[in-house]
C-alpha atoms as a PDB file:
ATOM      1  CA  MET A   1     -56.618 -73.530-141.452  1.00  0.00           C
ATOM      2  CA  SER A   2     -56.127 -77.074-140.363  1.00  0.00           C
ATOM      3  CA  GLU A   3     -57.013 -79.984-142.577  1.00  0.00           C
ATOM      4  CA  THR A   4     -59.970 -82.136-141.385  1.00  0.00           C
ATOM      5  CA  ARG A   5     -59.258 -85.833-140.832  1.00  0.00           C
ATOM      6  CA  ASN A   6     -61.226 -88.213-142.981  1.00  0.00           C
ATOM      7  CA  TYR A   7     -61.354 -91.921-143.893  1.00  0.00           C
ATOM      8  CA  LYS A   8     -61.655 -92.446-147.598  1.00  0.00           C
ATOM      9  CA  GLY A   9     -63.454 -89.241-147.972  1.00  0.00           C
ATOM     10  CA  TYR A  10     -65.773 -89.751-144.964  1.00  0.00           C
ATOM     11  CA  SER A  11     -65.246 -86.875-142.361  1.00  0.00           C
ATOM     12  CA  MET A  12     -64.268 -87.633-138.792  1.00  0.00           C
ATOM     13  CA  PHE A  13     -66.286 -84.528-137.813  1.00  0.00           C
ATOM     14  CA  ASP A  14     -63.429 -83.323-135.447  1.00  0.00           C
ATOM     15  CA  ASP A  15     -64.471 -79.751-136.083  1.00  0.00           C
ATOM     16  CA  VAL A  16     -68.063 -80.299-134.717  1.00  0.00           C
ATOM     17  CA  GLU A  17     -68.037 -78.776-131.225  1.00  0.00           C
ATOM     18  CA  ASN A  18     -71.385 -80.164-130.064  1.00  0.00           C
ATOM     19  CA  LYS A  19     -70.473 -83.693-128.997  1.00  0.00           C
ATOM     20  CA  GLU A  20     -73.990 -85.143-129.465  1.00  0.00           C
ATOM     21  CA  LEU A  21     -74.079 -83.804-133.037  1.00  0.00           C
ATOM     22  CA  GLN A  22     -70.539 -85.018-133.582  1.00  0.00           C
ATOM     23  CA  ALA A  23     -71.477 -88.563-132.391  1.00  0.00           C
ATOM     24  CA  TYR A  24     -74.590 -88.529-134.639  1.00  0.00           C
ATOM     25  CA  ASN A  25     -72.654 -87.437-137.713  1.00  0.00           C
ATOM     26  CA  ARG A  26     -70.047 -90.222-137.046  1.00  0.00           C
ATOM     27  CA  ALA A  27     -72.948 -92.701-136.652  1.00  0.00           C
ATOM     28  CA  VAL A  28     -74.392 -91.735-140.034  1.00  0.00           C
ATOM     29  CA  ALA A  29     -70.963 -91.866-141.584  1.00  0.00           C
ATOM     30  CA  MET A  30     -70.459 -95.407-140.206  1.00  0.00           C
ATOM     31  CA  ARG A  31     -73.862 -96.461-141.641  1.00  0.00           C
ATOM     32  CA  ASN A  32     -72.893 -94.961-145.004  1.00  0.00           C
ATOM     33  CA  ILE A  33     -69.485 -96.558-145.005  1.00  0.00           C
ATOM     34  CA  ASN A  34     -71.073 -99.885-144.222  1.00  0.00           C
ATOM     35  CA  THR A  35     -73.448 -99.529-147.102  1.00  0.00           C
ATOM     36  CA  ASP A  36     -70.856 -98.180-149.513  1.00  0.00           C
ATOM     37  CA  LEU A  37     -67.712-100.113-148.533  1.00  0.00           C
ATOM     38  CA  GLY A  38     -68.471-102.832-146.021  1.00  0.00           C
ATOM     39  CA  LYS A  39     -68.022-103.657-142.357  1.00  0.00           C
ATOM     40  CA  GLU A  40     -64.216-103.907-142.510  1.00  0.00           C
ATOM     41  CA  ASP A  41     -64.050-100.242-143.584  1.00  0.00           C
ATOM     42  CA  VAL A  42     -66.411 -99.350-140.612  1.00  0.00           C
ATOM     43  CA  LYS A  43     -63.880-101.017-138.331  1.00  0.00           C
ATOM     44  CA  GLU A  44     -61.050 -99.012-139.884  1.00  0.00           C
ATOM     45  CA  TYR A  45     -63.005 -95.791-139.439  1.00  0.00           C
ATOM     46  CA  CYS A  46     -63.613 -96.635-135.853  1.00  0.00           C
ATOM     47  CA  HIS A  47     -60.017 -97.264-135.204  1.00  0.00           C
ATOM     48  CA  MET A  48     -59.472 -93.604-135.852  1.00  0.00           C
ATOM     49  CA  LEU A  49     -61.700 -92.786-132.799  1.00  0.00           C
ATOM     50  CA  THR A  50     -61.043 -92.698-129.181  1.00  0.00           C
ATOM     51  CA  MET A  51     -63.004 -95.264-127.046  1.00  0.00           C
ATOM     52  CA  PRO A  52     -65.338 -92.602-125.632  1.00  0.00           C
ATOM     53  CA  ASP A  53     -65.947 -91.303-129.175  1.00  0.00           C
ATOM     54  CA  LYS A  54     -66.762 -94.855-130.364  1.00  0.00           C
ATOM     55  CA  LEU A  55     -69.205 -95.370-127.539  1.00  0.00           C
ATOM     56  CA  ASN A  56     -70.931 -92.147-128.262  1.00  0.00           C
ATOM     57  CA  ALA A  57     -71.303 -93.041-131.950  1.00  0.00           C
ATOM     58  CA  VAL A  58     -72.599 -96.453-130.995  1.00  0.00           C
ATOM     59  CA  ARG A  59     -75.175 -94.889-128.679  1.00  0.00           C
ATOM     60  CA  GLU A  60     -76.331 -92.684-131.707  1.00  0.00           C
ATOM     61  CA  LEU A  61     -76.524 -95.739-133.938  1.00  0.00           C
ATOM     62  CA  ALA A  62     -78.756 -97.395-131.356  1.00  0.00           C
ATOM     63  CA  LYS A  63     -81.098 -94.261-131.303  1.00  0.00           C
ATOM     64  CA  ILE A  64     -81.223 -94.272-135.125  1.00  0.00           C
ATOM     65  CA  ALA A  65     -82.207 -97.965-135.101  1.00  0.00           C
ATOM     66  CA  GLY A  66     -84.897 -97.287-132.441  1.00  0.00           C
ATOM     67  CA  MET A  67     -83.046 -99.385-129.884  1.00  0.00           C
ATOM     68  CA  ALA A  68     -82.399 -96.605-127.313  1.00  0.00           C
END
């Protein structure tokens, strides 16, 4: 069994096959990291993602905020 990547205990959700759900989970993780650790840690979490994965997570954040 492979080890799941994480950032300071926050999952990267690499094992989630549904890309929309994966992006949603990452968006929620980013929101939680911001609340718990701050925006600099959100940036570090995002550095672990590919550009398409970052964009998908940002789209989900916009949906959560009611902006999409």
